[in-house]
Amino acid sequence: MAAVSAGVIGGEVVLDLPYEEDARAEVDMNVVATGAGRFVEVQGTGEEGTFSREELDQLTTLALKGIAELTTLQKQAVDAAKK
């Protein structure tokens, strides 16, 4: 399980916004999911207006990609610790 943030800044969908980007994001979303891509929590807000279904799909797809990468790294770290 892992959590990431995603957002829309200047019309571009981005992953893991640092504070400076988060503070000016048009859309801000937090996603928690399992490595298998099952959602635990999805929280999204149109900070500066609305967002489309297409943007929602792009945000969740990017978030799940980031979560998959994080869970792979987590598994590698656990395996390395067992050695």
PDB file of N, CA and C in Angstrom:
ATOM      1  N   MET A   1       0.847  -1.156   0.000  1.00  0.00           N
ATOM      2  CA  MET A   1       0.000   0.000   0.000  1.00  0.00           C
ATOM      3  C   MET A   1       0.900   1.229   0.000  1.00  0.00           C
ATOM      4  N   ALA A   2       0.468   2.237  -0.735  1.00  0.00           N
ATOM      5  CA  ALA A   2       1.220   3.491  -0.791  1.00  0.00           C
ATOM      6  C   ALA A   2       0.245   4.626  -1.073  1.00  0.00           C
ATOM      7  N   ALA A   3       0.729   5.834  -0.856  1.00  0.00           N
ATOM      8  CA  ALA A   3      -0.086   7.031  -1.089  1.00  0.00           C
ATOM      9  C   ALA A   3       0.727   8.039  -1.890  1.00  0.00           C
ATOM     10  N   VAL A   4       0.058   8.722  -2.801  1.00  0.00           N
ATOM     11  CA  VAL A   4       0.693   9.768  -3.596  1.00  0.00           C
ATOM     12  C   VAL A   4      -0.277  10.932  -3.755  1.00  0.00           C
ATOM     13  N   SER A   5       0.283  12.047  -4.159  1.00  0.00           N
ATOM     14  CA  SER A   5      -0.548  13.177  -4.557  1.00  0.00           C
ATOM     15  C   SER A   5      -0.372  13.363  -6.055  1.00  0.00           C
ATOM     16  N   ALA A   6      -1.405  13.870  -6.669  1.00  0.00           N
ATOM     17  CA  ALA A   6      -1.357  14.205  -8.091  1.00  0.00           C
ATOM     18  C   ALA A   6      -2.139  15.497  -8.255  1.00  0.00           C
ATOM     19  N   GLY A   7      -1.898  16.182  -9.339  1.00  0.00           N
ATOM     20  CA  GLY A   7      -2.619  17.428  -9.532  1.00  0.00           C
ATOM     21  C   GLY A   7      -2.521  17.919 -10.954  1.00  0.00           C
ATOM     22  N   VAL A   8      -3.212  19.012 -11.184  1.00  0.00           N
ATOM     23  CA  VAL A   8      -3.159  19.686 -12.478  1.00  0.00           C
ATOM     24  C   VAL A   8      -2.581  21.071 -12.230  1.00  0.00           C
ATOM     25  N   ILE A   9      -1.480  21.356 -12.924  1.00  0.00           N
ATOM     26  CA  ILE A   9      -0.823  22.653 -12.813  1.00  0.00           C
ATOM     27  C   ILE A   9      -0.606  23.177 -14.226  1.00  0.00           C
ATOM     28  N   GLY A  10      -1.156  24.324 -14.512  1.00  0.00           N
ATOM     29  CA  GLY A  10      -1.013  24.890 -15.851  1.00  0.00           C
ATOM     30  C   GLY A  10      -1.551  23.976 -16.927  1.00  0.00           C
ATOM     31  N   GLY A  11      -2.597  23.215 -16.594  1.00  0.00           N
ATOM     32  CA  GLY A  11      -3.201  22.295 -17.545  1.00  0.00           C
ATOM     33  C   GLY A  11      -2.479  20.972 -17.688  1.00  0.00           C
ATOM     34  N   GLU A  12      -1.374  20.781 -16.965  1.00  0.00           N
ATOM     35  CA  GLU A  12      -0.586  19.550 -17.045  1.00  0.00           C
ATOM     36  C   GLU A  12      -0.816  18.686 -15.809  1.00  0.00           C
ATOM     37  N   VAL A  13      -1.032  17.397 -16.029  1.00  0.00           N
ATOM     38  CA  VAL A  13      -1.217  16.445 -14.934  1.00  0.00           C
ATOM     39  C   VAL A  13       0.159  16.039 -14.419  1.00  0.00           C
ATOM     40  N   VAL A  14       0.373  16.186 -13.095  1.00  0.00           N
ATOM     41  CA  VAL A  14       1.678  15.896 -12.498  1.00  0.00           C
ATOM     42  C   VAL A  14       1.506  15.028 -11.255  1.00  0.00           C
ATOM     43  N   LEU A  15       2.590  14.333 -10.893  1.00  0.00           N
ATOM     44  CA  LEU A  15       2.597  13.420  -9.751  1.00  0.00           C
ATOM     45  C   LEU A  15       3.478  13.974  -8.646  1.00  0.00           C
ATOM     46  N   ASP A  16       3.077  13.722  -7.401  1.00  0.00           N
ATOM     47  CA  ASP A  16       3.848  14.094  -6.209  1.00  0.00           C
ATOM     48  C   ASP A  16       4.249  15.560  -6.197  1.00  0.00           C
ATOM     49  N   LEU A  17       3.252  16.377  -5.992  1.00  0.00           N
ATOM     50  CA  LEU A  17       3.471  17.818  -5.985  1.00  0.00           C
ATOM     51  C   LEU A  17       4.196  18.267  -4.719  1.00  0.00           C
ATOM     52  N   PRO A  18       5.307  18.985  -4.876  1.00  0.00           N
ATOM     53  CA  PRO A  18       5.895  19.617  -3.697  1.00  0.00           C
ATOM     54  C   PRO A  18       4.989  20.780  -3.266  1.00  0.00           C
ATOM     55  N   TYR A  19       5.205  21.296  -2.081  1.00  0.00           N
ATOM     56  CA  TYR A  19       4.325  22.335  -1.540  1.00  0.00           C
ATOM     57  C   TYR A  19       4.135  23.512  -2.498  1.00  0.00           C
ATOM     58  N   GLU A  20       5.209  23.947  -3.131  1.00  0.00           N
ATOM     59  CA  GLU A  20       5.124  25.110  -4.020  1.00  0.00           C
ATOM     60  C   GLU A  20       4.137  24.870  -5.165  1.00  0.00           C
ATOM     61  N   GLU A  21       4.123  23.651  -5.715  1.00  0.00           N
ATOM     62  CA  GLU A  21       3.189  23.315  -6.789  1.00  0.00           C
ATOM     63  C   GLU A  21       1.797  23.068  -6.229  1.00  0.00           C
ATOM     64  N   ASP A  22       1.716  22.371  -5.107  1.00  0.00           N
ATOM     65  CA  ASP A  22       0.427  22.069  -4.500  1.00  0.00           C
ATOM     66  C   ASP A  22      -0.346  23.349  -4.196  1.00  0.00           C
ATOM     67  N   ALA A  23       0.370  24.369  -3.735  1.00  0.00           N
ATOM     68  CA  ALA A  23      -0.275  25.626  -3.352  1.00  0.00           C
ATOM     69  C   ALA A  23      -0.889  26.353  -4.543  1.00  0.00           C
ATOM     70  N   ARG A  24      -0.416  26.063  -5.763  1.00  0.00           N
ATOM     71  CA  ARG A  24      -0.960  26.751  -6.935  1.00  0.00           C
ATOM     72  C   ARG A  24      -1.670  25.808  -7.914  1.00  0.00           C
ATOM     73  N   ALA A  25      -1.914  24.585  -7.478  1.00  0.00           N
ATOM     74  CA  ALA A  25      -2.546  23.599  -8.349  1.00  0.00           C
ATOM     75  C   ALA A  25      -4.002  23.956  -8.636  1.00  0.00           C
ATOM     76  N   GLU A  26      -4.410  23.716  -9.871  1.00  0.00           N
ATOM     77  CA  GLU A  26      -5.818  23.889 -10.232  1.00  0.00           C
ATOM     78  C   GLU A  26      -6.652  22.741  -9.673  1.00  0.00           C
ATOM     79  N   VAL A  27      -6.053  21.563  -9.650  1.00  0.00           N
ATOM     80  CA  VAL A  27      -6.693  20.363  -9.094  1.00  0.00           C
ATOM     81  C   VAL A  27      -5.674  19.682  -8.183  1.00  0.00           C
ATOM     82  N   ASP A  28      -6.139  19.230  -7.049  1.00  0.00           N
ATOM     83  CA  ASP A  28      -5.289  18.542  -6.079  1.00  0.00           C
ATOM     84  C   ASP A  28      -5.967  17.234  -5.710  1.00  0.00           C
ATOM     85  N   MET A  29      -5.233  16.123  -5.827  1.00  0.00           N
ATOM     86  CA  MET A  29      -5.810  14.817  -5.527  1.00  0.00           C
ATOM     87  C   MET A  29      -4.829  13.985  -4.706  1.00  0.00           C
ATOM     88  N   ASN A  30      -5.352  13.281  -3.719  1.00  0.00           N
ATOM     89  CA  ASN A  30      -4.592  12.315  -2.932  1.00  0.00           C
ATOM     90  C   ASN A  30      -5.167  10.941  -3.204  1.00  0.00           C
ATOM     91  N   VAL A  31      -4.282   9.988  -3.446  1.00  0.00           N
ATOM     92  CA  VAL A  31      -4.718   8.623  -3.758  1.00  0.00           C
ATOM     93  C   VAL A  31      -3.920   7.646  -2.896  1.00  0.00           C
ATOM     94  N   VAL A  32      -4.638   6.734  -2.252  1.00  0.00           N
ATOM     95  CA  VAL A  32      -4.040   5.635  -1.506  1.00  0.00           C
ATOM     96  C   VAL A  32      -4.545   4.352  -2.164  1.00  0.00           C
ATOM     97  N   ALA A  33      -3.626   3.445  -2.481  1.00  0.00           N
ATOM     98  CA  ALA A  33      -4.029   2.198  -3.133  1.00  0.00           C
ATOM     99  C   ALA A  33      -3.032   1.093  -2.814  1.00  0.00           C
ATOM    100  N   THR A  34      -3.461  -0.118  -3.087  1.00  0.00           N
ATOM    101  CA  THR A  34      -2.587  -1.272  -2.914  1.00  0.00           C
ATOM    102  C   THR A  34      -1.694  -1.406  -4.140  1.00  0.00           C
ATOM    103  N   GLY A  35      -0.666  -2.234  -4.015  1.00  0.00           N
ATOM    104  CA  GLY A  35       0.199  -2.502  -5.155  1.00  0.00           C
ATOM    105  C   GLY A  35      -0.534  -3.159  -6.305  1.00  0.00           C
ATOM    106  N   ALA A  36      -1.649  -3.793  -6.001  1.00  0.00           N
ATOM    107  CA  ALA A  36      -2.463  -4.435  -7.036  1.00  0.00           C
ATOM    108  C   ALA A  36      -3.422  -3.448  -7.706  1.00  0.00           C
ATOM    109  N   GLY A  37      -3.354  -2.174  -7.301  1.00  0.00           N
ATOM    110  CA  GLY A  37      -4.185  -1.158  -7.938  1.00  0.00           C
ATOM    111  C   GLY A  37      -5.580  -1.015  -7.371  1.00  0.00           C
ATOM    112  N   ARG A  38      -5.822  -1.548  -6.181  1.00  0.00           N
ATOM    113  CA  ARG A  38      -7.127  -1.418  -5.523  1.00  0.00           C
ATOM    114  C   ARG A  38      -7.107  -0.169  -4.658  1.00  0.00           C
ATOM    115  N   PHE A  39      -8.093   0.678  -4.857  1.00  0.00           N
ATOM    116  CA  PHE A  39      -8.157   1.942  -4.129  1.00  0.00           C
ATOM    117  C   PHE A  39      -8.528   1.755  -2.664  1.00  0.00           C
ATOM    118  N   VAL A  40      -7.854   2.499  -1.810  1.00  0.00           N
ATOM    119  CA  VAL A  40      -8.185   2.586  -0.401  1.00  0.00           C
ATOM    120  C   VAL A  40      -8.865   3.935  -0.163  1.00  0.00           C
ATOM    121  N   GLU A  41      -8.319   4.980  -0.792  1.00  0.00           N
ATOM    122  CA  GLU A  41      -8.884   6.326  -0.647  1.00  0.00           C
ATOM    123  C   GLU A  41      -8.564   7.145  -1.887  1.00  0.00           C
ATOM    124  N   VAL A  42      -9.539   7.929  -2.318  1.00  0.00           N
ATOM    125  CA  VAL A  42      -9.345   8.896  -3.394  1.00  0.00           C
ATOM    126  C   VAL A  42     -10.005  10.184  -2.937  1.00  0.00           C
ATOM    127  N   GLN A  43      -9.218  11.248  -2.919  1.00  0.00           N
ATOM    128  CA  GLN A  43      -9.711  12.542  -2.468  1.00  0.00           C
ATOM    129  C   GLN A  43      -9.240  13.586  -3.463  1.00  0.00           C
ATOM    130  N   GLY A  44     -10.166  14.226  -4.160  1.00  0.00           N
ATOM    131  CA  GLY A  44      -9.778  15.216  -5.152  1.00  0.00           C
ATOM    132  C   GLY A  44     -10.598  16.478  -5.040  1.00  0.00           C
ATOM    133  N   THR A  45      -9.934  17.597  -5.292  1.00  0.00           N
ATOM    134  CA  THR A  45     -10.590  18.892  -5.182  1.00  0.00           C
ATOM    135  C   THR A  45     -10.177  19.780  -6.340  1.00  0.00           C
ATOM    136  N   GLY A  46     -11.154  20.419  -6.946  1.00  0.00           N
ATOM    137  CA  GLY A  46     -10.877  21.460  -7.925  1.00  0.00           C
ATOM    138  C   GLY A  46     -10.592  22.745  -7.165  1.00  0.00           C
ATOM    139  N   GLU A  47      -9.322  22.999  -6.887  1.00  0.00           N
ATOM    140  CA  GLU A  47      -8.928  24.139  -6.064  1.00  0.00           C
ATOM    141  C   GLU A  47      -9.271  25.472  -6.724  1.00  0.00           C
ATOM    142  N   GLU A  48      -9.058  25.543  -8.023  1.00  0.00           N
ATOM    143  CA  GLU A  48      -9.258  26.796  -8.750  1.00  0.00           C
ATOM    144  C   GLU A  48     -10.414  26.700  -9.747  1.00  0.00           C
ATOM    145  N   GLY A  49     -11.228  25.678  -9.641  1.00  0.00           N
ATOM    146  CA  GLY A  49     -12.339  25.513 -10.573  1.00  0.00           C
ATOM    147  C   GLY A  49     -12.721  24.055 -10.682  1.00  0.00           C
ATOM    148  N   THR A  50     -13.190  23.688 -11.833  1.00  0.00           N
ATOM    149  CA  THR A  50     -13.655  22.319 -12.051  1.00  0.00           C
ATOM    150  C   THR A  50     -12.623  21.529 -12.848  1.00  0.00           C
ATOM    151  N   PHE A  51     -12.848  20.199 -12.913  1.00  0.00           N
ATOM    152  CA  PHE A  51     -11.995  19.367 -13.755  1.00  0.00           C
ATOM    153  C   PHE A  51     -12.854  18.323 -14.446  1.00  0.00           C
ATOM    154  N   SER A  52     -12.355  17.869 -15.585  1.00  0.00           N
ATOM    155  CA  SER A  52     -13.122  16.973 -16.444  1.00  0.00           C
ATOM    156  C   SER A  52     -12.946  15.516 -16.060  1.00  0.00           C
ATOM    157  N   ARG A  53     -13.790  14.672 -16.595  1.00  0.00           N
ATOM    158  CA  ARG A  53     -13.667  13.231 -16.417  1.00  0.00           C
ATOM    159  C   ARG A  53     -12.349  12.747 -17.003  1.00  0.00           C
ATOM    160  N   GLU A  54     -11.952  13.319 -18.133  1.00  0.00           N
ATOM    161  CA  GLU A  54     -10.674  12.951 -18.748  1.00  0.00           C
ATOM    162  C   GLU A  54      -9.513  13.278 -17.804  1.00  0.00           C
ATOM    163  N   GLU A  55      -9.541  14.444 -17.173  1.00  0.00           N
ATOM    164  CA  GLU A  55      -8.493  14.800 -16.219  1.00  0.00           C
ATOM    165  C   GLU A  55      -8.519  13.875 -15.003  1.00  0.00           C
ATOM    166  N   LEU A  56      -9.712  13.522 -14.531  1.00  0.00           N
ATOM    167  CA  LEU A  56      -9.832  12.580 -13.418  1.00  0.00           C
ATOM    168  C   LEU A  56      -9.202  11.239 -13.780  1.00  0.00           C
ATOM    169  N   ASP A  57      -9.480  10.760 -14.986  1.00  0.00           N
ATOM    170  CA  ASP A  57      -8.894   9.498 -15.442  1.00  0.00           C
ATOM    171  C   ASP A  57      -7.376   9.599 -15.535  1.00  0.00           C
ATOM    172  N   GLN A  58      -6.871  10.727 -16.047  1.00  0.00           N
ATOM    173  CA  GLN A  58      -5.429  10.920 -16.154  1.00  0.00           C
ATOM    174  C   GLN A  58      -4.784  10.968 -14.769  1.00  0.00           C
ATOM    175  N   LEU A  59      -5.434  11.654 -13.836  1.00  0.00           N
ATOM    176  CA  LEU A  59      -4.907  11.756 -12.475  1.00  0.00           C
ATOM    177  C   LEU A  59      -4.845  10.392 -11.796  1.00  0.00           C
ATOM    178  N   THR A  60      -5.917   9.618 -11.890  1.00  0.00           N
ATOM    179  CA  THR A  60      -5.918   8.315 -11.223  1.00  0.00           C
ATOM    180  C   THR A  60      -4.951   7.343 -11.898  1.00  0.00           C
ATOM    181  N   THR A  61      -4.846   7.402 -13.215  1.00  0.00           N
ATOM    182  CA  THR A  61      -3.897   6.541 -13.925  1.00  0.00           C
ATOM    183  C   THR A  61      -2.466   6.867 -13.504  1.00  0.00           C
ATOM    184  N   LEU A  62      -2.123   8.151 -13.454  1.00  0.00           N
ATOM    185  CA  LEU A  62      -0.786   8.558 -13.047  1.00  0.00           C
ATOM    186  C   LEU A  62      -0.526   8.192 -11.581  1.00  0.00           C
ATOM    187  N   ALA A  63      -1.519   8.397 -10.733  1.00  0.00           N
ATOM    188  CA  ALA A  63      -1.368   8.058  -9.315  1.00  0.00           C
ATOM    189  C   ALA A  63      -1.126   6.560  -9.143  1.00  0.00           C
ATOM    190  N   LEU A  64      -1.880   5.731  -9.839  1.00  0.00           N
ATOM    191  CA  LEU A  64      -1.695   4.281  -9.730  1.00  0.00           C
ATOM    192  C   LEU A  64      -0.334   3.848 -10.259  1.00  0.00           C
ATOM    193  N   LYS A  65       0.167   4.522 -11.282  1.00  0.00           N
ATOM    194  CA  LYS A  65       1.507   4.223 -11.786  1.00  0.00           C
ATOM    195  C   LYS A  65       2.544   4.534 -10.706  1.00  0.00           C
ATOM    196  N   GLY A  66       2.408   5.685 -10.064  1.00  0.00           N
ATOM    197  CA  GLY A  66       3.325   6.056  -8.988  1.00  0.00           C
ATOM    198  C   GLY A  66       3.251   5.089  -7.819  1.00  0.00           C
ATOM    199  N   ILE A  67       2.045   4.675  -7.470  1.00  0.00           N
ATOM    200  CA  ILE A  67       1.861   3.732  -6.364  1.00  0.00           C
ATOM    201  C   ILE A  67       2.485   2.382  -6.708  1.00  0.00           C
ATOM    202  N   ALA A  68       2.343   1.938  -7.939  1.00  0.00           N
ATOM    203  CA  ALA A  68       2.961   0.675  -8.361  1.00  0.00           C
ATOM    204  C   ALA A  68       4.475   0.756  -8.225  1.00  0.00           C
ATOM    205  N   GLU A  69       5.059   1.886  -8.614  1.00  0.00           N
ATOM    206  CA  GLU A  69       6.509   2.059  -8.487  1.00  0.00           C
ATOM    207  C   GLU A  69       6.928   2.049  -7.017  1.00  0.00           C
ATOM    208  N   LEU A  70       6.157   2.735  -6.174  1.00  0.00           N
ATOM    209  CA  LEU A  70       6.480   2.776  -4.748  1.00  0.00           C
ATOM    210  C   LEU A  70       6.370   1.398  -4.103  1.00  0.00           C
ATOM    211  N   THR A  71       5.339   0.646  -4.443  1.00  0.00           N
ATOM    212  CA  THR A  71       5.198  -0.676  -3.823  1.00  0.00           C
ATOM    213  C   THR A  71       6.292  -1.620  -4.297  1.00  0.00           C
ATOM    214  N   THR A  72       6.760  -1.469  -5.525  1.00  0.00           N
ATOM    215  CA  THR A  72       7.897  -2.263  -6.003  1.00  0.00           C
ATOM    216  C   THR A  72       9.134  -1.941  -5.174  1.00  0.00           C
ATOM    217  N   LEU A  73       9.377  -0.658  -4.938  1.00  0.00           N
ATOM    218  CA  LEU A  73      10.523  -0.250  -4.116  1.00  0.00           C
ATOM    219  C   LEU A  73      10.379  -0.738  -2.674  1.00  0.00           C
ATOM    220  N   GLN A  74       9.157  -0.717  -2.156  1.00  0.00           N
ATOM    221  CA  GLN A  74       8.924  -1.218  -0.796  1.00  0.00           C
ATOM    222  C   GLN A  74       9.257  -2.708  -0.705  1.00  0.00           C
ATOM    223  N   LYS A  75       8.811  -3.473  -1.687  1.00  0.00           N
ATOM    224  CA  LYS A  75       9.082  -4.910  -1.694  1.00  0.00           C
ATOM    225  C   LYS A  75      10.580  -5.180  -1.784  1.00  0.00           C
ATOM    226  N   GLN A  76      11.277  -4.404  -2.611  1.00  0.00           N
ATOM    227  CA  GLN A  76      12.732  -4.562  -2.734  1.00  0.00           C
ATOM    228  C   GLN A  76      13.422  -4.273  -1.407  1.00  0.00           C
ATOM    229  N   ALA A  77      12.972  -3.232  -0.720  1.00  0.00           N
ATOM    230  CA  ALA A  77      13.573  -2.861   0.575  1.00  0.00           C
ATOM    231  C   ALA A  77      13.327  -3.958   1.612  1.00  0.00           C
ATOM    232  N   VAL A  78      12.133  -4.520   1.641  1.00  0.00           N
ATOM    233  CA  VAL A  78      11.826  -5.585   2.596  1.00  0.00           C
ATOM    234  C   VAL A  78      12.670  -6.822   2.266  1.00  0.00           C
ATOM    235  N   ASP A  79      12.764  -7.165   0.991  1.00  0.00           N
ATOM    236  CA  ASP A  79      13.579  -8.321   0.602  1.00  0.00           C
ATOM    237  C   ASP A  79      15.046  -8.128   0.965  1.00  0.00           C
ATOM    238  N   ALA A  80      15.561  -6.927   0.753  1.00  0.00           N
ATOM    239  CA  ALA A  80      16.956  -6.628   1.099  1.00  0.00           C
ATOM    240  C   ALA A  80      17.183  -6.698   2.604  1.00  0.00           C
ATOM    241  N   ALA A  81      16.202  -6.287   3.387  1.00  0.00           N
ATOM    242  CA  ALA A  81      16.324  -6.318   4.847  1.00  0.00           C
ATOM    243  C   ALA A  81      16.318  -7.747   5.377  1.00  0.00           C
ATOM    244  N   LYS A  82      15.701  -8.659   4.651  1.00  0.00           N
ATOM    245  CA  LYS A  82      15.641 -10.062   5.077  1.00  0.00           C
ATOM    246  C   LYS A  82      16.961 -10.789   4.861  1.00  0.00           C
ATOM    247  N   LYS A  83      17.829 -10.231   4.025  1.00  0.00           N
ATOM    248  CA  LYS A  83      19.102 -10.909   3.703  1.00  0.00           C
ATOM    249  C   LYS A  83      20.134 -10.683   4.761  1.00  0.00           C
TER     250      LYS A  83
END
